[in-house]
Amino acid sequence: MKYIVLFCLTFGIHCFSQELLFNESNNFFEFSKIVSTQDSLILNKFEKRFKEINLTGIETEQNSIYGYGFTNHLVGGFATVEIKYKVKIDFKENKYKITITNFILTDLNGSNPLEGMRSYKNKWIRIINKKLPSILSNIENIHSDTDKW
């Protein structure tokens, strides 16, 4: 009985975890998920949200929107590494797919794509996986009201 409970817990955590996966068709690490919605104005809400959270290079098409964002990671207590990424949301009837990809790490020594990090790649994947929940919640917080205070 203990093994069944342990399996169910492990399986549930693995199925709903938010982590980067390697997409072999485009050779990039990415995170994606599909969300059901009944909101007919969802594209407009995400366009507004992208502007609120200061994503750059925002482009809106008929059934998609994308933009570029970044987050920081402190290394050794003093050096900051900027993690840049691309957010794309594709819309279909009653659902949308959010994809975060094109991770680029920038520090004082320059910029490197996540895919080119060689021996440090797994370390940075773990760091990005820890940051994904907060990145996603920030993007998907389309019902926030910034006018109230």
Protein backbone atom coordinates (compact mmCIF):
# COMPACT_ATOMS: atom_id res chain seq x y z
CA MET A 1 0.00 0.00 0.00
CA LYS A 2 2.86 2.38 0.80
CA TYR A 3 4.30 1.86 -2.67
CA ILE A 4 1.02 2.73 -4.36
CA VAL A 5 0.72 5.99 -2.41
CA LEU A 6 4.37 6.84 -3.12
CA PHE A 7 3.88 6.14 -6.83
CA CYS A 8 0.74 8.31 -6.98
CA LEU A 9 2.48 11.21 -5.26
CA THR A 10 5.55 10.99 -7.47
CA PHE A 11 3.50 10.63 -10.62
CA GLY A 12 1.28 13.60 -9.69
CA ILE A 13 4.20 15.86 -8.94
CA HIS A 14 5.98 14.88 -12.17
CA CYS A 15 2.86 15.37 -14.33
CA PHE A 16 2.12 18.85 -13.03
CA SER A 17 5.66 20.13 -12.58
CA GLN A 18 6.80 23.09 -14.57
CA GLU A 19 10.11 22.41 -16.21
CA LEU A 20 12.08 22.97 -19.37
CA LEU A 21 12.14 20.27 -22.00
CA PHE A 22 14.35 20.01 -25.05
CA ASN A 23 12.36 20.47 -28.27
CA GLU A 24 14.16 18.39 -30.87
CA SER A 25 12.31 19.98 -33.79
CA ASN A 26 13.84 23.41 -33.16
CA ASN A 27 16.80 22.48 -30.88
CA PHE A 28 15.74 24.83 -28.06
CA PHE A 29 14.83 24.25 -24.45
CA GLU A 30 11.28 25.38 -23.79
CA PHE A 31 8.37 25.23 -21.43
CA SER A 32 4.81 25.07 -22.71
CA LYS A 33 1.35 24.42 -21.38
CA ILE A 34 -2.19 24.57 -22.70
CA VAL A 35 -4.90 26.34 -20.72
CA SER A 36 -8.67 26.18 -21.27
CA THR A 37 -10.56 29.48 -21.23
CA GLN A 38 -13.99 30.83 -22.07
CA ASP A 39 -12.77 34.43 -22.20
CA SER A 40 -13.42 35.96 -25.62
CA LEU A 41 -11.11 38.93 -24.89
CA ILE A 42 -8.12 36.83 -23.79
CA LEU A 43 -5.79 38.13 -26.53
CA ASN A 44 -6.46 41.76 -25.53
CA LYS A 45 -5.90 40.95 -21.86
CA PHE A 46 -2.55 39.32 -22.56
CA GLU A 47 -1.51 42.23 -24.76
CA LYS A 48 -2.25 44.60 -21.87
CA ARG A 49 -0.45 42.29 -19.41
CA PHE A 50 2.66 42.07 -21.60
CA LYS A 51 2.87 45.87 -21.50
CA GLU A 52 2.25 45.99 -17.72
CA ILE A 53 5.15 43.65 -17.00
CA ASN A 54 7.45 45.49 -19.43
CA LEU A 55 8.02 42.77 -21.98
CA THR A 56 9.83 44.18 -25.02
CA GLY A 57 9.40 43.63 -28.75
CA ILE A 58 5.72 42.82 -28.32
CA GLU A 59 4.12 41.64 -31.56
CA THR A 60 0.46 40.77 -31.91
CA GLU A 61 -0.90 38.69 -34.75
CA GLN A 62 -4.41 37.39 -35.39
CA ASN A 63 -4.06 34.29 -33.20
CA SER A 64 -0.84 34.88 -31.25
CA ILE A 65 1.21 37.34 -29.27
CA TYR A 66 4.86 37.28 -28.27
CA GLY A 67 7.36 39.39 -26.40
CA TYR A 68 10.72 39.23 -24.67
CA GLY A 69 11.37 39.34 -20.95
CA PHE A 70 14.15 38.75 -18.46
CA THR A 71 14.82 37.82 -14.87
CA ASN A 72 17.99 38.04 -12.79
CA HIS A 73 19.91 35.46 -10.81
CA LEU A 74 22.46 36.35 -8.16
CA VAL A 75 25.66 34.25 -8.33
CA GLY A 76 28.09 34.16 -5.44
CA GLY A 77 26.27 36.96 -3.65
CA PHE A 78 27.50 39.71 -5.93
CA ALA A 79 27.50 38.85 -9.65
CA THR A 80 24.18 39.05 -11.46
CA VAL A 81 23.29 36.90 -14.42
CA GLU A 82 20.43 38.13 -16.58
CA ILE A 83 18.24 35.36 -18.00
CA LYS A 84 16.44 36.56 -21.13
CA TYR A 85 13.56 34.60 -22.68
CA LYS A 86 10.82 34.75 -25.29
CA VAL A 87 7.15 34.34 -24.38
CA LYS A 88 4.70 33.31 -27.08
CA ILE A 89 0.99 32.66 -26.62
CA ASP A 90 -1.03 30.99 -29.36
CA PHE A 91 -4.82 31.17 -29.23
CA LYS A 92 -7.45 28.72 -30.44
CA GLU A 93 -11.12 28.47 -29.64
CA ASN A 94 -11.56 28.12 -25.85
CA LYS A 95 -7.85 27.62 -25.13
CA TYR A 96 -4.39 29.08 -25.40
CA LYS A 97 -0.87 27.67 -25.39
CA ILE A 98 1.87 29.56 -23.59
CA THR A 99 5.46 28.81 -24.60
CA ILE A 100 8.60 30.21 -22.98
CA THR A 101 11.81 29.61 -24.94
CA ASN A 102 15.03 31.15 -26.33
CA PHE A 103 16.79 31.44 -22.96
CA ILE A 104 19.95 33.56 -23.14
CA LEU A 105 22.25 34.04 -20.15
CA THR A 106 24.13 37.34 -19.94
CA ASP A 107 26.81 38.37 -17.45
CA LEU A 108 29.93 40.55 -17.50
CA ASN A 109 31.65 38.05 -19.81
CA GLY A 110 28.96 38.18 -22.51
CA SER A 111 25.84 36.31 -23.62
CA ASN A 112 25.31 32.61 -24.22
CA PRO A 113 22.22 30.66 -25.22
CA LEU A 114 21.19 27.97 -22.73
CA GLU A 115 21.75 25.31 -25.39
CA GLY A 116 25.43 26.35 -25.66
CA MET A 117 26.28 26.28 -21.95
CA ARG A 118 28.03 22.87 -22.18
CA SER A 119 29.00 21.61 -18.71
CA TYR A 120 26.94 24.30 -16.93
CA LYS A 121 23.74 23.59 -18.89
CA ASN A 122 22.14 21.29 -16.28
CA LYS A 123 22.88 23.78 -13.49
CA TRP A 124 21.15 26.58 -15.42
CA ILE A 125 18.20 24.36 -16.33
CA ARG A 126 17.64 23.70 -12.60
CA ILE A 127 17.87 27.44 -11.84
CA ILE A 128 15.42 28.34 -14.62
CA ASN A 129 13.04 25.56 -13.52
CA LYS A 130 12.95 27.16 -10.04
CA LYS A 131 12.13 30.54 -11.59
CA LEU A 132 9.45 29.26 -14.02
CA PRO A 133 6.51 29.28 -11.56
CA SER A 134 7.04 32.96 -10.72
CA ILE A 135 7.59 33.90 -14.38
CA LEU A 136 4.39 32.10 -15.36
CA SER A 137 2.28 33.53 -12.55
CA ASN A 138 3.47 37.01 -13.47
CA ILE A 139 2.55 36.54 -17.15
CA GLU A 140 -0.79 34.84 -16.48
CA ASN A 141 -1.97 37.39 -13.91
CA ILE A 142 -4.26 39.01 -16.49
CA HIS A 143 -6.96 39.80 -13.95
CA SER A 144 -4.78 42.12 -11.89
CA ASP A 145 -6.05 45.63 -11.42
CA THR A 146 -3.07 47.97 -11.26
CA ASP A 147 -5.33 51.03 -10.86
CA LYS A 148 -6.41 50.03 -7.33
CA TRP A 149 -4.17 50.96 -4.44
